[in-house]
Amino acid sequence: MSSGNEAKPPISESPLSPLERLQLMVPGFRGYKVKDLIRQDDFLVRKTVASMLEEALNFIQRAEEEVARNNPFDPLIQQYETVLSDLRSLIAEVWGSPTGDAGMHDRFKVFPENLEKLVEYDLRLVDTAKAILDSAKARANPQVIDSMIRDARTYFIERQKLLIPEKLGEKW
């Protein structure tokens, strides 16, 4: 029986593949297998991540408001402000990524060697967004949440490099 304190097994030891886990976590996700649905799968992942992050933002705002009501000079307020700013920035990046722009779709091609990497980055991104949401609900230390936001941003940037045509990806 698990004590609940054990670390999650690495993706490779999970009984479900990363693709299967994503399909369970992101309704409608097909795994970039159907050429015409690459944009749709990308959108579904970004929508799921952004929704979790927006919900986390609301929890963090409420926690900050409660701290401010009790002590408007509490240094924790500045930490919350940093987290909220970083979270808003990440949400804007997720929603505003160039992956959805018209005209670029025809040039998108997810190569088989990148597909597994893309699915792993998607899974890490969704898992991290969920961890951010869970931490926000639990009123975790703002610095811990901010560290997770930085991790999510790294996963997002790396996944975007796999979706953007090579010449554009060099600018990232």
Protein backbone atom coordinates (compact mmCIF):
# COMPACT_ATOMS: atom_id res chain seq x y z
CA MET A 1 0.00 0.00 0.00
CA SER A 2 1.32 3.44 -0.91
CA SER A 3 1.98 5.93 1.87
CA GLY A 4 1.28 8.89 -0.39
CA ASN A 5 4.76 10.29 0.29
CA GLU A 6 6.43 8.31 -2.46
CA ALA A 7 7.62 10.07 -5.58
CA LYS A 8 5.78 9.44 -8.83
CA PRO A 9 7.48 6.79 -10.94
CA PRO A 10 9.31 8.10 -13.98
CA ILE A 11 7.23 8.19 -17.15
CA SER A 12 8.99 5.08 -18.49
CA GLU A 13 7.91 2.99 -15.44
CA SER A 14 4.27 4.07 -15.56
CA PRO A 15 1.87 1.25 -16.47
CA LEU A 16 0.41 3.56 -19.11
CA SER A 17 2.46 5.09 -21.89
CA PRO A 18 2.86 8.89 -21.94
CA LEU A 19 0.45 8.99 -24.89
CA GLU A 20 -2.17 6.94 -23.03
CA ARG A 21 -1.81 9.14 -19.93
CA LEU A 22 -2.27 12.28 -22.04
CA GLN A 23 -5.32 10.80 -23.73
CA LEU A 24 -6.85 10.26 -20.29
CA MET A 25 -5.98 13.78 -19.09
CA VAL A 26 -6.84 15.74 -22.26
CA PRO A 27 -10.30 14.88 -23.62
CA GLY A 28 -10.27 14.43 -27.41
CA PHE A 29 -6.47 14.22 -27.69
CA ARG A 30 -5.39 11.85 -30.47
CA GLY A 31 -1.62 12.05 -30.09
CA TYR A 32 -0.76 13.99 -33.26
CA LYS A 33 -1.36 10.83 -35.28
CA VAL A 34 -3.80 12.25 -37.79
CA LYS A 35 -2.06 14.85 -39.95
CA ASP A 36 -5.05 17.16 -40.21
CA LEU A 37 -5.59 17.06 -36.45
CA ILE A 38 -2.15 18.23 -35.30
CA ARG A 39 -3.49 21.75 -34.74
CA GLN A 40 -6.48 20.36 -32.87
CA ASP A 41 -4.35 18.17 -30.60
CA ASP A 42 -2.01 21.09 -29.93
CA PHE A 43 -4.98 23.30 -29.10
CA LEU A 44 -6.46 20.68 -26.75
CA VAL A 45 -3.20 20.39 -24.81
CA ARG A 46 -2.80 24.18 -24.59
CA LYS A 47 -6.46 24.62 -23.57
CA THR A 48 -6.16 22.01 -20.82
CA VAL A 49 -2.95 23.58 -19.48
CA ALA A 50 -4.30 27.13 -19.67
CA SER A 51 -7.54 26.13 -17.91
CA MET A 52 -5.63 24.56 -15.03
CA LEU A 53 -3.33 27.58 -14.77
CA GLU A 54 -6.26 30.02 -14.82
CA GLU A 55 -7.96 28.08 -12.05
CA ALA A 56 -4.70 28.14 -10.06
CA LEU A 57 -4.49 31.90 -10.64
CA ASN A 58 -7.92 32.32 -9.02
CA PHE A 59 -6.91 30.29 -5.96
CA ILE A 60 -3.68 32.27 -5.57
CA GLN A 61 -5.52 35.59 -5.91
CA ARG A 62 -7.93 34.56 -3.15
CA ALA A 63 -5.04 33.50 -0.90
CA GLU A 64 -3.31 36.82 -1.50
CA GLU A 65 -6.50 38.75 -0.74
CA GLU A 66 -6.91 36.87 2.55
CA VAL A 67 -3.31 37.64 3.57
CA ALA A 68 -3.77 41.31 2.63
CA ARG A 69 -6.98 41.56 4.68
CA ASN A 70 -5.20 40.22 7.75
CA ASN A 71 -1.96 42.18 7.32
CA PRO A 72 -1.60 44.56 4.36
CA PHE A 73 2.16 44.79 4.99
CA ASP A 74 2.87 41.05 5.04
CA PRO A 75 5.94 40.28 2.86
CA LEU A 76 4.06 37.23 1.56
CA ILE A 77 1.96 39.61 -0.54
CA GLN A 78 4.99 40.51 -2.69
CA GLN A 79 5.72 36.80 -3.21
CA TYR A 80 2.13 36.25 -4.30
CA GLU A 81 2.39 39.20 -6.69
CA THR A 82 5.50 37.66 -8.28
CA VAL A 83 3.74 34.31 -8.68
CA LEU A 84 0.62 35.94 -10.13
CA SER A 85 2.69 37.94 -12.61
CA ASP A 86 4.66 34.86 -13.71
CA LEU A 87 1.48 32.80 -13.95
CA ARG A 88 -0.30 35.44 -16.06
CA SER A 89 2.72 35.58 -18.34
CA LEU A 90 2.77 31.79 -18.76
CA ILE A 91 -0.97 31.69 -19.49
CA ALA A 92 -0.49 34.38 -22.16
CA GLU A 93 2.37 32.38 -23.69
CA VAL A 94 0.31 29.19 -23.77
CA TRP A 95 -2.69 30.90 -25.38
CA GLY A 96 -0.66 33.18 -27.65
CA SER A 97 1.81 30.68 -29.03
CA PRO A 98 2.36 30.84 -32.78
CA THR A 99 1.21 27.25 -33.21
CA GLY A 100 -2.31 28.37 -33.93
CA ASP A 101 -1.55 31.03 -36.52
CA ALA A 102 -3.09 30.71 -39.97
CA GLY A 103 -0.67 30.01 -42.80
CA MET A 104 1.80 28.12 -40.65
CA HIS A 105 -0.29 24.95 -40.47
CA ASP A 106 0.62 23.74 -43.92
CA ARG A 107 4.30 23.79 -43.00
CA PHE A 108 3.86 21.87 -39.74
CA LYS A 109 5.14 18.37 -39.78
CA VAL A 110 5.72 16.39 -36.65
CA PHE A 111 8.48 13.97 -37.53
CA PRO A 112 8.24 10.48 -36.01
CA GLU A 113 11.47 10.99 -34.04
CA ASN A 114 9.95 14.14 -32.48
CA LEU A 115 6.52 12.65 -31.77
CA GLU A 116 7.61 10.79 -28.64
CA LYS A 117 9.44 13.90 -27.36
CA LEU A 118 6.38 16.05 -28.07
CA VAL A 119 4.08 13.71 -26.17
CA GLU A 120 6.54 13.60 -23.24
CA TYR A 121 6.75 17.43 -23.11
CA ASP A 122 2.95 17.63 -23.33
CA LEU A 123 2.61 15.17 -20.46
CA ARG A 124 5.18 17.04 -18.35
CA LEU A 125 3.41 20.31 -19.11
CA VAL A 126 -0.03 18.95 -18.19
CA ASP A 127 1.35 17.23 -15.07
CA THR A 128 3.11 20.43 -13.99
CA ALA A 129 0.00 22.54 -14.61
CA LYS A 130 -1.95 20.10 -12.45
CA ALA A 131 0.74 20.29 -9.73
CA ILE A 132 0.54 24.10 -9.84
CA LEU A 133 -3.24 23.91 -9.47
CA ASP A 134 -3.02 21.39 -6.62
CA SER A 135 -0.39 23.54 -4.86
CA ALA A 136 -2.51 26.67 -5.30
CA LYS A 137 -5.51 24.87 -3.80
CA ALA A 138 -3.34 23.71 -0.88
CA ARG A 139 -1.96 27.25 -0.43
CA ALA A 140 1.61 26.08 -0.87
CA ASN A 141 4.50 28.47 -0.46
CA PRO A 142 4.43 30.98 -3.36
CA GLN A 143 8.13 30.37 -4.08
CA VAL A 144 7.46 26.65 -4.56
CA ILE A 145 4.65 27.45 -6.98
CA ASP A 146 6.87 29.93 -8.83
CA SER A 147 9.51 27.23 -9.26
CA MET A 148 6.87 24.97 -10.84
CA ILE A 149 5.82 27.82 -13.14
CA ARG A 150 9.43 28.12 -14.34
CA ASP A 151 9.48 24.36 -15.01
CA ALA A 152 6.21 24.58 -16.95
CA ARG A 153 7.60 27.45 -19.03
CA THR A 154 10.69 25.35 -19.89
CA TYR A 155 8.52 22.40 -20.97
CA PHE A 156 6.33 24.70 -23.02
CA ILE A 157 9.28 26.30 -24.83
CA GLU A 158 10.80 22.91 -25.58
CA ARG A 159 7.52 21.53 -26.96
CA GLN A 160 7.05 24.62 -29.09
CA LYS A 161 10.45 24.05 -30.70
CA LEU A 162 9.17 20.68 -31.90
CA LEU A 163 6.08 22.24 -33.51
CA ILE A 164 7.63 25.27 -35.16
CA PRO A 165 9.32 24.91 -38.54
CA GLU A 166 13.10 24.65 -38.10
CA LYS A 167 14.03 28.08 -39.40
CA LEU A 168 11.52 29.76 -37.09
CA GLY A 169 12.47 27.50 -34.19
CA GLU A 170 16.07 28.78 -34.32
CA LYS A 171 14.82 32.16 -33.06
CA TRP A 172 13.58 30.61 -29.80
